Amino acid sequence: MSEVIDRLEHIIRSERQIRPERAEELSELLDEAPIKDVVALVERSPATRAALILRLLSRRRSIGVFDALDSAHQADLIDALGDTAVYEFFAELDPDDRVSLLDELPAEIAERLLKALEDSERDVTGVVLGYPKGSIGRRMSPEVPHIYQDMTVDDVLAKLKDVAGDVETIYTLPVITEDRVLVGVTSLRALFTAAGEEGVDTLMNTPVYAGAQDDAEETARWFLALDLLAMPVVDDSDRLVGILTVDDAMDIVEDADSEDTARSGASEPLQQPYLSTPLLKV
């Protein structure tokens, strides 16, 4: 742990109230510290102190830190942060991460957070929420570019420039029919090395994919063994509904291993969230 973090932790623990001039000093220290160290500091701090740390961070870094926390820590922070910050952090999460957080919260708070989203973001989050807990559909990202089999390389590259900031990944690219049926998969590397007028259907390979209803842990372990960057997820009609990345798969396996360790040590966390009553004011 860095000296900066040690100093921050000492100040925050020792002072009951942070004076304005002290807050400015802490903000500068927090912005200098490696983000992984700030995440670790937030995770081991009580909720009220963790919320203070997030408020002292710049907006960009506070969103990054909140996003890096696991859903259990995010849930613990909900009450301490206040409505405005909660809504902002929630909106910045990816749809699958939103669902993981919602699963940790009482229904009243979950509903409140969903209602605060813009319609388009609520709709895409609803896609993930529609699959049962424990399924890979519940952990996939629905934000995947639609690459149609009759497109040319130039068509695809132009589309990727438009949507790159809104999708989970552009390195593994599922190829679909007009009815969204998965027919292949290609890669950004394949596109860059092909002629612009070449059809994407000549560059695609037979897809390795998962069904949205498949067990999340089993699918994640199988996927990681394949050493792929990402994998399409389809519905019962083989229509593309999302994508699973290696980062998401690693999170699933880590969560499962943590639960197994907790059970074996007789310290399994409660299934009912600690926050059992509505805490966001209407």
Protein backbone atom coordinates (compact mmCIF):
# COMPACT_ATOMS: atom_id res chain seq x y z
CA MET A 1 0.00 0.00 0.00
CA SER A 2 1.40 3.46 -0.88
CA GLU A 3 2.48 6.08 1.64
CA VAL A 4 -0.19 8.39 0.22
CA ILE A 5 -2.93 5.91 1.11
CA ASP A 6 -1.47 5.36 4.59
CA ARG A 7 -1.51 9.11 5.17
CA LEU A 8 -5.06 9.44 3.84
CA GLU A 9 -6.32 6.64 6.01
CA HIS A 10 -4.73 8.14 9.12
CA ILE A 11 -6.29 11.57 8.47
CA ILE A 12 -9.76 10.23 7.71
CA ARG A 13 -9.75 7.98 10.77
CA SER A 14 -8.45 10.60 13.18
CA GLU A 15 -10.65 13.55 12.23
CA ARG A 16 -14.36 13.46 12.98
CA GLN A 17 -15.06 16.41 10.70
CA ILE A 18 -13.08 17.33 7.62
CA ARG A 19 -12.43 21.07 7.39
CA PRO A 20 -12.69 22.67 3.90
CA GLU A 21 -8.94 23.27 3.67
CA ARG A 22 -8.28 19.69 4.78
CA ALA A 23 -10.80 18.38 2.23
CA GLU A 24 -8.88 20.08 -0.56
CA GLU A 25 -5.65 18.45 0.62
CA LEU A 26 -7.32 15.03 0.80
CA SER A 27 -8.80 15.44 -2.67
CA GLU A 28 -5.37 16.14 -4.12
CA LEU A 29 -3.88 13.13 -2.33
CA LEU A 30 -6.68 10.86 -3.54
CA ASP A 31 -6.26 11.98 -7.13
CA GLU A 32 -2.52 11.21 -6.92
CA ALA A 33 -2.98 7.71 -5.50
CA PRO A 34 -3.20 4.65 -7.80
CA ILE A 35 -6.86 3.84 -8.38
CA LYS A 36 -6.42 0.23 -7.23
CA ASP A 37 -5.18 1.52 -3.86
CA VAL A 38 -8.16 3.87 -3.57
CA VAL A 39 -10.51 0.97 -4.32
CA ALA A 40 -8.85 -1.10 -1.59
CA LEU A 41 -9.17 1.81 0.86
CA VAL A 42 -12.87 2.19 0.10
CA GLU A 43 -13.47 -1.57 0.47
CA ARG A 44 -11.97 -1.74 3.94
CA SER A 45 -13.61 1.47 5.21
CA PRO A 46 -17.01 1.71 6.94
CA ALA A 47 -19.79 2.88 4.60
CA THR A 48 -19.89 6.48 5.86
CA ARG A 49 -16.11 6.84 5.58
CA ALA A 50 -16.09 5.16 2.17
CA ALA A 51 -18.78 7.58 0.97
CA LEU A 52 -16.64 10.49 2.15
CA ILE A 53 -13.70 9.17 0.15
CA LEU A 54 -15.83 8.94 -2.99
CA ARG A 55 -17.09 12.50 -2.50
CA LEU A 56 -13.52 13.79 -2.17
CA LEU A 57 -12.50 12.22 -5.48
CA SER A 58 -12.87 13.98 -8.80
CA ARG A 59 -16.05 12.99 -10.65
CA ARG A 60 -14.20 10.81 -13.17
CA ARG A 61 -12.20 8.93 -10.56
CA SER A 62 -15.14 8.52 -8.19
CA ILE A 63 -17.15 6.85 -10.95
CA GLY A 64 -14.18 4.63 -11.78
CA VAL A 65 -13.73 3.59 -8.15
CA PHE A 66 -17.43 2.86 -7.64
CA ASP A 67 -17.49 0.80 -10.84
CA ALA A 68 -14.47 -1.22 -9.62
CA LEU A 69 -16.15 -2.18 -6.32
CA ASP A 70 -17.99 -5.48 -6.10
CA SER A 71 -21.78 -5.30 -5.91
CA ALA A 72 -21.87 -6.03 -2.17
CA HIS A 73 -19.68 -3.01 -1.37
CA GLN A 74 -21.71 -0.87 -3.77
CA ALA A 75 -24.89 -1.88 -1.97
CA ASP A 76 -23.41 -0.96 1.41
CA LEU A 77 -22.63 2.53 0.08
CA ILE A 78 -26.12 3.28 -1.23
CA ASP A 79 -27.47 4.79 2.00
CA ALA A 80 -24.34 6.75 2.82
CA LEU A 81 -23.97 8.41 -0.59
CA GLY A 82 -27.34 10.13 -1.00
CA ASP A 83 -29.70 10.16 -3.96
CA THR A 84 -27.83 12.35 -6.45
CA ALA A 85 -24.53 10.48 -6.24
CA VAL A 86 -26.26 7.09 -6.24
CA TYR A 87 -28.22 7.85 -9.41
CA GLU A 88 -25.11 9.14 -11.17
CA PHE A 89 -22.96 6.15 -10.22
CA PHE A 90 -25.74 3.70 -11.12
CA ALA A 91 -26.26 5.25 -14.55
CA GLU A 92 -22.53 4.97 -15.31
CA LEU A 93 -22.42 1.21 -14.64
CA ASP A 94 -22.66 -1.29 -17.47
CA PRO A 95 -26.06 -3.04 -17.66
CA ASP A 96 -24.74 -6.34 -16.27
CA ASP A 97 -23.05 -4.52 -13.39
CA ARG A 98 -26.29 -2.66 -12.66
CA VAL A 99 -28.12 -5.96 -12.39
CA SER A 100 -25.48 -7.38 -10.03
CA LEU A 101 -25.99 -4.35 -7.78
CA LEU A 102 -29.79 -4.55 -8.01
CA ASP A 103 -29.62 -8.17 -6.87
CA GLU A 104 -27.98 -6.96 -3.64
CA LEU A 105 -30.65 -4.35 -2.86
CA PRO A 106 -34.17 -4.38 -1.43
CA ALA A 107 -36.87 -4.29 -4.13
CA GLU A 108 -37.94 -0.75 -3.25
CA ILE A 109 -34.47 0.70 -3.79
CA ALA A 110 -33.89 -1.37 -6.93
CA GLU A 111 -37.13 -0.08 -8.43
CA ARG A 112 -36.20 3.49 -7.55
CA LEU A 113 -32.81 3.19 -9.25
CA LEU A 114 -34.33 1.68 -12.39
CA LYS A 115 -36.90 4.45 -12.66
CA ALA A 116 -34.14 7.06 -12.49
CA LEU A 117 -32.47 5.69 -15.64
CA GLU A 118 -33.12 7.12 -19.07
CA ASP A 119 -35.57 5.00 -21.08
CA SER A 120 -32.90 3.52 -23.37
CA GLU A 121 -30.66 2.55 -20.44
CA ARG A 122 -33.60 1.08 -18.52
CA ASP A 123 -34.56 -1.00 -21.56
CA VAL A 124 -31.08 -2.45 -22.05
CA THR A 125 -30.79 -3.19 -18.32
CA GLY A 126 -34.18 -4.90 -18.49
CA VAL A 127 -32.80 -7.34 -21.06
CA VAL A 128 -30.32 -8.68 -18.50
CA LEU A 129 -32.87 -8.60 -15.66
CA GLY A 130 -35.16 -10.78 -17.76
CA TYR A 131 -32.94 -13.84 -17.34
CA PRO A 132 -32.96 -15.98 -14.19
CA LYS A 133 -30.40 -15.50 -11.43
CA GLY A 134 -27.49 -17.88 -11.89
CA SER A 135 -27.76 -17.85 -15.69
CA ILE A 136 -25.15 -16.45 -18.04
CA GLY A 137 -27.80 -14.15 -19.46
CA ARG A 138 -27.85 -12.43 -16.09
CA ARG A 139 -24.10 -11.72 -16.33
CA MET A 140 -23.65 -10.95 -20.03
CA SER A 141 -23.48 -7.50 -21.59
CA PRO A 142 -26.35 -6.80 -24.01
CA GLU A 143 -24.35 -3.95 -25.55
CA VAL A 144 -22.95 -5.66 -28.63
CA PRO A 145 -22.67 -4.22 -32.17
CA HIS A 146 -24.93 -5.74 -34.81
CA ILE A 147 -22.66 -6.86 -37.63
CA TYR A 148 -24.71 -8.30 -40.50
CA GLN A 149 -23.37 -10.99 -42.81
CA ASP A 150 -23.98 -8.94 -45.97
CA MET A 151 -21.86 -5.98 -44.79
CA THR A 152 -18.46 -5.15 -46.26
CA VAL A 153 -15.33 -4.52 -44.22
CA ASP A 154 -15.70 -0.78 -44.83
CA ASP A 155 -19.32 -0.93 -43.65
CA VAL A 156 -18.33 -2.66 -40.42
CA LEU A 157 -15.41 -0.35 -39.64
CA ALA A 158 -17.62 2.70 -40.18
CA LYS A 159 -20.23 1.26 -37.84
CA LEU A 160 -17.65 0.44 -35.18
CA LYS A 161 -16.43 4.04 -35.20
CA ASP A 162 -19.97 5.17 -34.44
CA VAL A 163 -20.74 2.69 -31.65
CA ALA A 164 -17.32 1.93 -30.10
CA GLY A 165 -18.05 3.97 -26.99
CA ASP A 166 -21.41 2.31 -26.40
CA VAL A 167 -20.60 -1.40 -26.69
CA GLU A 168 -18.79 -3.84 -24.41
CA THR A 169 -16.06 -4.82 -26.88
CA ILE A 170 -15.14 -4.34 -30.53
CA TYR A 171 -12.39 -6.96 -30.65
CA THR A 172 -14.67 -10.00 -30.93
CA LEU A 173 -17.52 -9.38 -33.36
CA PRO A 174 -20.52 -11.71 -33.71
CA VAL A 175 -21.97 -11.81 -37.23
CA ILE A 176 -25.75 -12.13 -37.61
CA THR A 177 -28.56 -12.35 -40.14
CA GLU A 178 -31.25 -9.68 -40.50
CA ASP A 179 -33.24 -11.67 -37.92
CA ARG A 180 -30.30 -11.48 -35.46
CA VAL A 181 -29.52 -15.21 -35.82
CA LEU A 182 -25.84 -15.84 -35.04
CA VAL A 183 -24.00 -17.24 -38.07
CA GLY A 184 -20.34 -16.54 -37.31
CA VAL A 185 -17.76 -14.47 -35.49
CA THR A 186 -14.92 -12.29 -36.72
CA SER A 187 -12.38 -9.97 -35.14
CA LEU A 188 -11.16 -6.42 -35.43
CA ARG A 189 -7.77 -7.77 -36.46
CA ALA A 190 -9.32 -9.70 -39.36
CA LEU A 191 -11.08 -6.54 -40.53
CA PHE A 192 -7.91 -4.44 -40.43
CA THR A 193 -6.01 -6.93 -42.58
CA ALA A 194 -8.76 -7.31 -45.22
CA ALA A 195 -9.67 -5.23 -48.26
CA GLY A 196 -12.38 -2.65 -47.66
CA GLU A 197 -14.75 -4.09 -50.25
CA GLU A 198 -14.42 -7.64 -48.95
CA GLY A 199 -17.57 -9.16 -47.46
CA VAL A 200 -17.53 -9.82 -43.73
CA ASP A 201 -19.03 -13.26 -44.40
CA THR A 202 -15.69 -14.30 -45.95
CA LEU A 203 -13.85 -13.39 -42.74
CA MET A 204 -16.03 -15.08 -40.16
CA ASN A 205 -15.36 -18.33 -38.32
CA THR A 206 -17.75 -20.86 -36.82
CA PRO A 207 -18.87 -19.25 -33.56
CA VAL A 208 -18.27 -20.57 -30.07
CA TYR A 209 -21.27 -19.36 -28.09
CA ALA A 210 -23.39 -19.86 -24.99
CA GLY A 211 -27.13 -19.95 -24.42
CA ALA A 212 -28.52 -17.18 -22.25
CA GLN A 213 -30.20 -19.73 -19.96
CA ASP A 214 -26.97 -21.69 -19.38
CA ASP A 215 -25.50 -21.84 -15.88
CA ALA A 216 -23.24 -18.82 -15.33
CA GLU A 217 -20.45 -20.51 -13.37
CA GLU A 218 -20.20 -23.57 -15.62
CA THR A 219 -20.23 -21.39 -18.73
CA ALA A 220 -17.62 -19.00 -17.35
CA ARG A 221 -15.21 -21.81 -16.42
CA TRP A 222 -15.65 -23.47 -19.83
CA PHE A 223 -15.18 -20.15 -21.62
CA LEU A 224 -12.00 -19.27 -19.71
CA ALA A 225 -10.51 -22.65 -20.61
CA LEU A 226 -10.91 -21.74 -24.30
CA ASP A 227 -8.62 -18.70 -23.90
CA LEU A 228 -10.93 -16.38 -25.87
CA LEU A 229 -11.44 -12.64 -25.38
CA ALA A 230 -15.23 -12.74 -25.68
CA MET A 231 -18.07 -15.05 -26.66
CA PRO A 232 -21.56 -14.39 -28.10
CA VAL A 233 -24.64 -15.27 -26.05
CA VAL A 234 -27.84 -16.33 -27.84
CA ASP A 235 -31.46 -17.01 -26.93
CA ASP A 236 -33.39 -20.23 -27.52
CA SER A 237 -33.80 -19.29 -31.20
CA ASP A 238 -30.05 -18.70 -31.68
CA ARG A 239 -30.59 -14.94 -31.88
CA LEU A 240 -27.79 -12.77 -30.55
CA VAL A 241 -28.72 -11.20 -27.20
CA GLY A 242 -25.34 -10.30 -25.69
CA ILE A 243 -21.68 -11.03 -25.22
CA LEU A 244 -19.55 -12.45 -22.40
CA THR A 245 -16.06 -10.98 -21.98
CA VAL A 246 -13.10 -12.57 -20.27
CA ASP A 247 -13.28 -9.97 -17.48
CA ASP A 248 -16.91 -10.81 -16.76
CA ALA A 249 -16.16 -14.54 -16.80
CA MET A 250 -13.31 -14.05 -14.33
CA ASP A 251 -15.65 -12.08 -12.04
CA ILE A 252 -18.19 -14.91 -12.14
CA VAL A 253 -15.59 -17.53 -11.21
CA GLU A 254 -14.13 -15.31 -8.49
CA ASP A 255 -17.60 -14.76 -6.99
CA ALA A 256 -18.31 -18.50 -7.07
CA ASP A 257 -14.97 -19.36 -5.46
CA SER A 258 -15.55 -16.76 -2.74
CA GLU A 259 -18.95 -18.27 -1.95
CA ASP A 260 -17.43 -21.76 -1.78
CA THR A 261 -14.72 -20.53 0.58
CA ALA A 262 -17.29 -18.78 2.77
CA ARG A 263 -19.40 -21.95 2.99
CA SER A 264 -16.44 -24.14 3.89
CA GLY A 265 -15.45 -21.67 6.59
CA ALA A 266 -19.00 -21.37 7.95
CA SER A 267 -18.99 -17.67 7.14
CA GLU A 268 -21.33 -17.52 4.18
CA PRO A 269 -22.81 -14.02 3.81
CA LEU A 270 -26.50 -13.49 4.40
CA GLN A 271 -28.70 -13.88 1.34
CA GLN A 272 -30.89 -11.00 2.54
CA PRO A 273 -29.12 -7.66 1.95
CA TYR A 274 -28.10 -5.74 5.04
CA LEU A 275 -30.12 -2.80 3.77
CA SER A 276 -33.57 -4.29 4.30
CA THR A 277 -35.66 -1.13 4.19
CA PRO A 278 -35.98 1.62 1.59
CA LEU A 279 -33.27 4.21 2.14
CA LEU A 280 -33.59 6.51 -0.84
CA LYS A 281 -36.02 9.31 -0.11
CA VAL A 282 -38.90 9.70 -2.59
